[in-house]
């Protein structure tokens, strides 16, 4: 089985290029606080959109209350 030292120069360049991305990911980790903030922000945005959808739905059905649909 061939080792990395037996490979050509092109394979070594590709390997080092891929490792550069892996090492950059380790230095750009998100902290626990930023992940928790994203979760809480997403929850609040979802609740706000659901509340807005509920209000619009109620306004629509209140406007339709007296209509029977007959011409």
PDB file of N, CA and C in Angstrom:
ATOM      1  N   UNK A   1       0.833  -1.164   0.000  1.00  0.00           N
ATOM      2  CA  UNK A   1       0.000   0.000   0.000  1.00  0.00           C
ATOM      3  C   UNK A   1       0.886   1.238   0.000  1.00  0.00           C
ATOM      4  N   UNK A   2       0.506   2.226  -0.791  1.00  0.00           N
ATOM      5  CA  UNK A   2       1.329   3.419  -0.936  1.00  0.00           C
ATOM      6  C   UNK A   2       1.045   4.402   0.188  1.00  0.00           C
ATOM      7  N   UNK A   3       2.101   5.061   0.630  1.00  0.00           N
ATOM      8  CA  UNK A   3       1.924   6.087   1.656  1.00  0.00           C
ATOM      9  C   UNK A   3       1.902   7.457   0.996  1.00  0.00           C
ATOM     10  N   UNK A   4       1.723   8.498   1.799  1.00  0.00           N
ATOM     11  CA  UNK A   4       1.648   9.854   1.270  1.00  0.00           C
ATOM     12  C   UNK A   4       2.975  10.279   0.656  1.00  0.00           C
ATOM     13  N   UNK A   5       4.090   9.717   1.139  1.00  0.00           N
ATOM     14  CA  UNK A   5       5.395  10.091   0.595  1.00  0.00           C
ATOM     15  C   UNK A   5       5.614   9.482  -0.776  1.00  0.00           C
ATOM     16  N   UNK A   6       4.874   8.440  -1.137  1.00  0.00           N
ATOM     17  CA  UNK A   6       5.011   7.809  -2.434  1.00  0.00           C
ATOM     18  C   UNK A   6       4.167   8.498  -3.506  1.00  0.00           C
ATOM     19  N   UNK A   7       3.250   9.376  -3.114  1.00  0.00           N
ATOM     20  CA  UNK A   7       2.344  10.019  -4.061  1.00  0.00           C
ATOM     21  C   UNK A   7       3.051  11.127  -4.814  1.00  0.00           C
ATOM     22  N   UNK A   8       2.424  11.544  -5.895  1.00  0.00           N
ATOM     23  CA  UNK A   8       2.968  12.629  -6.684  1.00  0.00           C
ATOM     24  C   UNK A   8       2.739  13.981  -6.030  1.00  0.00           C
ATOM     25  N   UNK A   9       3.329  14.991  -6.628  1.00  0.00           N
ATOM     26  CA  UNK A   9       3.231  16.344  -6.089  1.00  0.00           C
ATOM     27  C   UNK A   9       1.794  16.850  -6.163  1.00  0.00           C
ATOM     28  N   UNK A  10       1.058  16.514  -7.198  1.00  0.00           N
ATOM     29  CA  UNK A  10      -0.315  16.976  -7.342  1.00  0.00           C
ATOM     30  C   UNK A  10      -1.212  16.475  -6.231  1.00  0.00           C
ATOM     31  N   UNK A  11      -1.030  15.230  -5.829  1.00  0.00           N
ATOM     32  CA  UNK A  11      -1.844  14.660  -4.760  1.00  0.00           C
ATOM     33  C   UNK A  11      -1.534  15.352  -3.444  1.00  0.00           C
ATOM     34  N   UNK A  12      -0.260  15.669  -3.205  1.00  0.00           N
ATOM     35  CA  UNK A  12       0.123  16.363  -1.977  1.00  0.00           C
ATOM     36  C   UNK A  12      -0.479  17.763  -1.936  1.00  0.00           C
ATOM     37  N   UNK A  13      -0.503  18.453  -3.074  1.00  0.00           N
ATOM     38  CA  UNK A  13      -1.077  19.796  -3.129  1.00  0.00           C
ATOM     39  C   UNK A  13      -2.568  19.747  -2.835  1.00  0.00           C
ATOM     40  N   UNK A  14      -3.284  18.770  -3.422  1.00  0.00           N
ATOM     41  CA  UNK A  14      -4.715  18.638  -3.179  1.00  0.00           C
ATOM     42  C   UNK A  14      -4.975  18.298  -1.721  1.00  0.00           C
ATOM     43  N   UNK A  15      -4.172  17.415  -1.155  1.00  0.00           N
ATOM     44  CA  UNK A  15      -4.333  17.038   0.246  1.00  0.00           C
ATOM     45  C   UNK A  15      -4.117  18.241   1.160  1.00  0.00           C
ATOM     46  N   UNK A  16      -3.081  19.020   0.924  1.00  0.00           N
ATOM     47  CA  UNK A  16      -2.814  20.196   1.746  1.00  0.00           C
ATOM     48  C   UNK A  16      -3.908  21.242   1.580  1.00  0.00           C
ATOM     49  N   UNK A  17      -4.457  21.374   0.367  1.00  0.00           N
ATOM     50  CA  UNK A  17      -5.547  22.324   0.139  1.00  0.00           C
ATOM     51  C   UNK A  17      -6.789  21.924   0.917  1.00  0.00           C
ATOM     52  N   UNK A  18      -7.073  20.624   0.952  1.00  0.00           N
ATOM     53  CA  UNK A  18      -8.232  20.146   1.711  1.00  0.00           C
ATOM     54  C   UNK A  18      -8.006  20.310   3.208  1.00  0.00           C
ATOM     55  N   UNK A  19      -6.815  20.091   3.689  1.00  0.00           N
ATOM     56  CA  UNK A  19      -6.519  20.222   5.108  1.00  0.00           C
ATOM     57  C   UNK A  19      -6.595  21.685   5.550  1.00  0.00           C
ATOM     58  N   UNK A  20      -6.322  22.620   4.647  1.00  0.00           N
ATOM     59  CA  UNK A  20      -6.407  24.035   4.978  1.00  0.00           C
ATOM     60  C   UNK A  20      -7.843  24.383   5.372  1.00  0.00           C
ATOM     61  N   UNK A  21      -8.821  23.832   4.666  1.00  0.00           N
ATOM     62  CA  UNK A  21     -10.218  24.063   5.001  1.00  0.00           C
ATOM     63  C   UNK A  21     -10.607  23.450   6.328  1.00  0.00           C
ATOM     64  N   UNK A  22     -10.091  22.281   6.629  1.00  0.00           N
ATOM     65  CA  UNK A  22     -10.403  21.612   7.900  1.00  0.00           C
ATOM     66  C   UNK A  22      -9.815  22.402   9.060  1.00  0.00           C
ATOM     67  N   UNK A  23      -8.593  22.867   8.917  1.00  0.00           N
ATOM     68  CA  UNK A  23      -7.960  23.627   9.994  1.00  0.00           C
ATOM     69  C   UNK A  23      -8.644  24.972  10.191  1.00  0.00           C
ATOM     70  N   UNK A  24      -9.136  25.575   9.134  1.00  0.00           N
ATOM     71  CA  UNK A  24      -9.840  26.849   9.260  1.00  0.00           C
ATOM     72  C   UNK A  24     -11.165  26.669   9.987  1.00  0.00           C
ATOM     73  N   UNK A  25     -11.803  25.523   9.842  1.00  0.00           N
ATOM     74  CA  UNK A  25     -13.063  25.271  10.523  1.00  0.00           C
ATOM     75  C   UNK A  25     -12.857  25.165  12.031  1.00  0.00           C
ATOM     76  N   UNK A  26     -11.732  24.642  12.433  1.00  0.00           N
ATOM     77  CA  UNK A  26     -11.476  24.491  13.859  1.00  0.00           C
ATOM     78  C   UNK A  26     -11.295  25.839  14.535  1.00  0.00           C
ATOM     79  N   UNK A  27     -10.733  26.814  13.849  1.00  0.00           N
ATOM     80  CA  UNK A  27     -10.510  28.120  14.457  1.00  0.00           C
ATOM     81  C   UNK A  27     -11.761  28.984  14.404  1.00  0.00           C
ATOM     82  N   UNK A  28     -12.741  28.648  13.580  1.00  0.00           N
ATOM     83  CA  UNK A  28     -13.951  29.458  13.436  1.00  0.00           C
ATOM     84  C   UNK A  28     -15.157  28.771  14.060  1.00  0.00           C
ATOM     85  N   UNK A  29     -14.981  28.172  15.223  1.00  0.00           N
ATOM     86  CA  UNK A  29     -16.101  27.507  15.895  1.00  0.00           C
ATOM     87  C   UNK A  29     -17.043  28.537  16.502  1.00  0.00           C
ATOM     88  N   UNK A  30     -18.294  28.171  16.628  1.00  0.00           N
ATOM     89  CA  UNK A  30     -19.273  29.023  17.281  1.00  0.00           C
ATOM     90  C   UNK A  30     -19.313  28.682  18.757  1.00  0.00           C
ATOM     91  N   UNK A  31     -19.478  29.706  19.580  1.00  0.00           N
ATOM     92  CA  UNK A  31     -19.546  29.460  21.016  1.00  0.00           C
ATOM     93  C   UNK A  31     -20.944  28.965  21.384  1.00  0.00           C
ATOM     94  N   UNK A  32     -21.072  28.492  22.603  1.00  0.00           N
ATOM     95  CA  UNK A  32     -22.351  27.980  23.088  1.00  0.00           C
ATOM     96  C   UNK A  32     -23.378  29.105  23.130  1.00  0.00           C
ATOM     97  N   UNK A  33     -22.929  30.293  23.518  1.00  0.00           N
ATOM     98  CA  UNK A  33     -23.838  31.432  23.597  1.00  0.00           C
ATOM     99  C   UNK A  33     -24.396  31.835  22.251  1.00  0.00           C
ATOM    100  N   UNK A  34     -23.574  31.779  21.202  1.00  0.00           N
ATOM    101  CA  UNK A  34     -24.069  32.162  19.884  1.00  0.00           C
ATOM    102  C   UNK A  34     -25.047  31.127  19.334  1.00  0.00           C
ATOM    103  N   UNK A  35     -24.824  29.869  19.629  1.00  0.00           N
ATOM    104  CA  UNK A  35     -25.762  28.825  19.195  1.00  0.00           C
ATOM    105  C   UNK A  35     -27.079  28.965  19.949  1.00  0.00           C
ATOM    106  N   UNK A  36     -27.007  29.203  21.250  1.00  0.00           N
ATOM    107  CA  UNK A  36     -28.224  29.383  22.036  1.00  0.00           C
ATOM    108  C   UNK A  36     -28.975  30.630  21.587  1.00  0.00           C
ATOM    109  N   UNK A  37     -28.257  31.689  21.271  1.00  0.00           N
ATOM    110  CA  UNK A  37     -28.892  32.904  20.769  1.00  0.00           C
ATOM    111  C   UNK A  37     -29.596  32.673  19.452  1.00  0.00           C
ATOM    112  N   UNK A  38     -28.991  31.875  18.582  1.00  0.00           N
ATOM    113  CA  UNK A  38     -29.626  31.563  17.302  1.00  0.00           C
ATOM    114  C   UNK A  38     -30.895  30.743  17.506  1.00  0.00           C
ATOM    115  N   UNK A  39     -30.869  29.816  18.449  1.00  0.00           N
ATOM    116  CA  UNK A  39     -32.045  28.994  18.723  1.00  0.00           C
ATOM    117  C   UNK A  39     -33.171  29.851  19.300  1.00  0.00           C
ATOM    118  N   UNK A  40     -32.837  30.701  20.267  1.00  0.00           N
ATOM    119  CA  UNK A  40     -33.859  31.557  20.878  1.00  0.00           C
ATOM    120  C   UNK A  40     -34.400  32.545  19.849  1.00  0.00           C
ATOM    121  N   UNK A  41     -33.533  33.121  19.030  1.00  0.00           N
ATOM    122  CA  UNK A  41     -33.978  34.044  17.986  1.00  0.00           C
ATOM    123  C   UNK A  41     -34.896  33.378  16.984  1.00  0.00           C
ATOM    124  N   UNK A  42     -34.579  32.158  16.607  1.00  0.00           N
ATOM    125  CA  UNK A  42     -35.420  31.418  15.679  1.00  0.00           C
ATOM    126  C   UNK A  42     -36.777  31.114  16.302  1.00  0.00           C
ATOM    127  N   UNK A  43     -36.783  30.744  17.572  1.00  0.00           N
ATOM    128  CA  UNK A  43     -38.040  30.470  18.265  1.00  0.00           C
ATOM    129  C   UNK A  43     -38.914  31.725  18.341  1.00  0.00           C
ATOM    130  N   UNK A  44     -38.315  32.862  18.682  1.00  0.00           N
ATOM    131  CA  UNK A  44     -39.079  34.107  18.765  1.00  0.00           C
ATOM    132  C   UNK A  44     -39.611  34.536  17.402  1.00  0.00           C
ATOM    133  N   UNK A  45     -38.800  34.388  16.363  1.00  0.00           N
ATOM    134  CA  UNK A  45     -39.252  34.752  15.020  1.00  0.00           C
ATOM    135  C   UNK A  45     -40.398  33.845  14.578  1.00  0.00           C
ATOM    136  N   UNK A  46     -40.322  32.559  14.897  1.00  0.00           N
ATOM    137  CA  UNK A  46     -41.385  31.622  14.544  1.00  0.00           C
ATOM    138  C   UNK A  46     -42.680  31.967  15.268  1.00  0.00           C
ATOM    139  N   UNK A  47     -42.575  32.283  16.559  1.00  0.00           N
ATOM    140  CA  UNK A  47     -43.764  32.665  17.317  1.00  0.00           C
ATOM    141  C   UNK A  47     -44.370  33.964  16.794  1.00  0.00           C
ATOM    142  N   UNK A  48     -43.531  34.927  16.418  1.00  0.00           N
ATOM    143  CA  UNK A  48     -44.033  36.192  15.888  1.00  0.00           C
ATOM    144  C   UNK A  48     -44.757  35.971  14.558  1.00  0.00           C
ATOM    145  N   UNK A  49     -44.197  35.146  13.696  1.00  0.00           N
ATOM    146  CA  UNK A  49     -44.845  34.865  12.407  1.00  0.00           C
ATOM    147  C   UNK A  49     -46.144  34.088  12.591  1.00  0.00           C
ATOM    148  N   UNK A  50     -46.158  33.167  13.533  1.00  0.00           N
ATOM    149  CA  UNK A  50     -47.392  32.421  13.806  1.00  0.00           C
ATOM    150  C   UNK A  50     -48.463  33.350  14.361  1.00  0.00           C
ATOM    151  N   UNK A  51     -48.092  34.274  15.234  1.00  0.00           N
ATOM    152  CA  UNK A  51     -49.045  35.237  15.764  1.00  0.00           C
ATOM    153  C   UNK A  51     -49.588  36.153  14.680  1.00  0.00           C
ATOM    154  N   UNK A  52     -48.725  36.594  13.785  1.00  0.00           N
ATOM    155  CA  UNK A  52     -49.169  37.433  12.668  1.00  0.00           C
ATOM    156  C   UNK A  52     -50.118  36.667  11.748  1.00  0.00           C
ATOM    157  N   UNK A  53     -49.809  35.413  11.467  1.00  0.00           N
ATOM    158  CA  UNK A  53     -50.681  34.596  10.626  1.00  0.00           C
ATOM    159  C   UNK A  53     -52.042  34.402  11.296  1.00  0.00           C
ATOM    160  N   UNK A  54     -52.057  34.207  12.621  1.00  0.00           N
ATOM    161  CA  UNK A  54     -53.320  34.042  13.344  1.00  0.00           C
ATOM    162  C   UNK A  54     -54.158  35.318  13.282  1.00  0.00           C
ATOM    163  N   UNK A  55     -53.523  36.464  13.474  1.00  0.00           N
ATOM    164  CA  UNK A  55     -54.250  37.731  13.410  1.00  0.00           C
ATOM    165  C   UNK A  55     -54.835  37.982  12.023  1.00  0.00           C
ATOM    166  N   UNK A  56     -54.050  37.711  10.993  1.00  0.00           N
ATOM    167  CA  UNK A  56     -54.559  37.891   9.636  1.00  0.00           C
ATOM    168  C   UNK A  56     -55.706  36.923   9.338  1.00  0.00           C
ATOM    169  N   UNK A  57     -55.624  35.705   9.828  1.00  0.00           N
ATOM    170  CA  UNK A  57     -56.676  34.713   9.633  1.00  0.00           C
ATOM    171  C   UNK A  57     -57.963  35.160  10.320  1.00  0.00           C
ATOM    172  N   UNK A  58     -57.841  35.668  11.558  1.00  0.00           N
ATOM    173  CA  UNK A  58     -59.039  36.155  12.277  1.00  0.00           C
ATOM    174  C   UNK A  58     -59.658  37.354  11.578  1.00  0.00           C
ATOM    175  N   UNK A  59     -58.822  38.263  11.083  1.00  0.00           N
ATOM    176  CA  UNK A  59     -59.356  39.436  10.371  1.00  0.00           C
ATOM    177  C   UNK A  59     -60.102  39.005   9.111  1.00  0.00           C
ATOM    178  N   UNK A  60     -59.561  38.018   8.410  1.00  0.00           N
ATOM    179  CA  UNK A  60     -60.207  37.531   7.192  1.00  0.00           C
ATOM    180  C   UNK A  60     -61.561  36.906   7.510  1.00  0.00           C
ATOM    181  N   UNK A  61     -61.622  36.038   8.515  1.00  0.00           N
ATOM    182  CA  UNK A  61     -62.879  35.364   8.823  1.00  0.00           C
ATOM    183  C   UNK A  61     -63.901  36.306   9.450  1.00  0.00           C
ATOM    184  N   UNK A  62     -63.472  37.333  10.163  1.00  0.00           N
ATOM    185  CA  UNK A  62     -64.416  38.320  10.686  1.00  0.00           C
ATOM    186  C   UNK A  62     -65.016  39.138   9.550  1.00  0.00           C
ATOM    187  N   UNK A  63     -64.223  39.395   8.514  1.00  0.00           N
ATOM    188  CA  UNK A  63     -64.758  40.154   7.378  1.00  0.00           C
ATOM    189  C   UNK A  63     -65.733  39.302   6.557  1.00  0.00           C
ATOM    190  N   UNK A  64     -65.638  37.991   6.646  1.00  0.00           N
ATOM    191  CA  UNK A  64     -66.493  37.081   5.888  1.00  0.00           C
ATOM    192  C   UNK A  64     -67.709  36.633   6.692  1.00  0.00           C
ATOM    193  N   UNK A  65     -67.858  37.059   7.924  1.00  0.00           N
ATOM    194  CA  UNK A  65     -68.881  36.547   8.837  1.00  0.00           C
ATOM    195  C   UNK A  65     -70.306  36.716   8.300  1.00  0.00           C
ATOM    196  N   UNK A  66     -70.640  37.859   7.758  1.00  0.00           N
ATOM    197  CA  UNK A  66     -72.019  38.091   7.332  1.00  0.00           C
ATOM    198  C   UNK A  66     -72.310  37.646   5.914  1.00  0.00           C
ATOM    199  N   UNK A  67     -71.342  37.137   5.194  1.00  0.00           N
ATOM    200  CA  UNK A  67     -71.532  36.752   3.787  1.00  0.00           C
ATOM    201  C   UNK A  67     -71.901  35.293   3.688  1.00  0.00           C
ATOM    202  N   UNK A  68     -72.907  34.997   2.842  1.00  0.00           N
ATOM    203  CA  UNK A  68     -73.343  33.617   2.691  1.00  0.00           C
ATOM    204  C   UNK A  68     -72.794  32.958   1.446  1.00  0.00           C
ATOM    205  N   UNK A  69     -72.300  33.722   0.530  1.00  0.00           N
ATOM    206  CA  UNK A  69     -71.750  33.161  -0.689  1.00  0.00           C
ATOM    207  C   UNK A  69     -72.725  33.112  -1.822  1.00  0.00           C
ATOM    208  N   UNK A  70     -74.012  33.485  -1.588  1.00  0.00           N
ATOM    209  CA  UNK A  70     -75.021  33.484  -2.654  1.00  0.00           C
ATOM    210  C   UNK A  70     -75.014  34.825  -3.375  1.00  0.00           C
ATOM    211  N   UNK A  71     -75.316  34.776  -4.657  1.00  0.00           N
ATOM    212  CA  UNK A  71     -75.330  35.999  -5.468  1.00  0.00           C
ATOM    213  C   UNK A  71     -76.708  36.627  -5.402  1.00  0.00           C
TER     214      UNK A  71
END
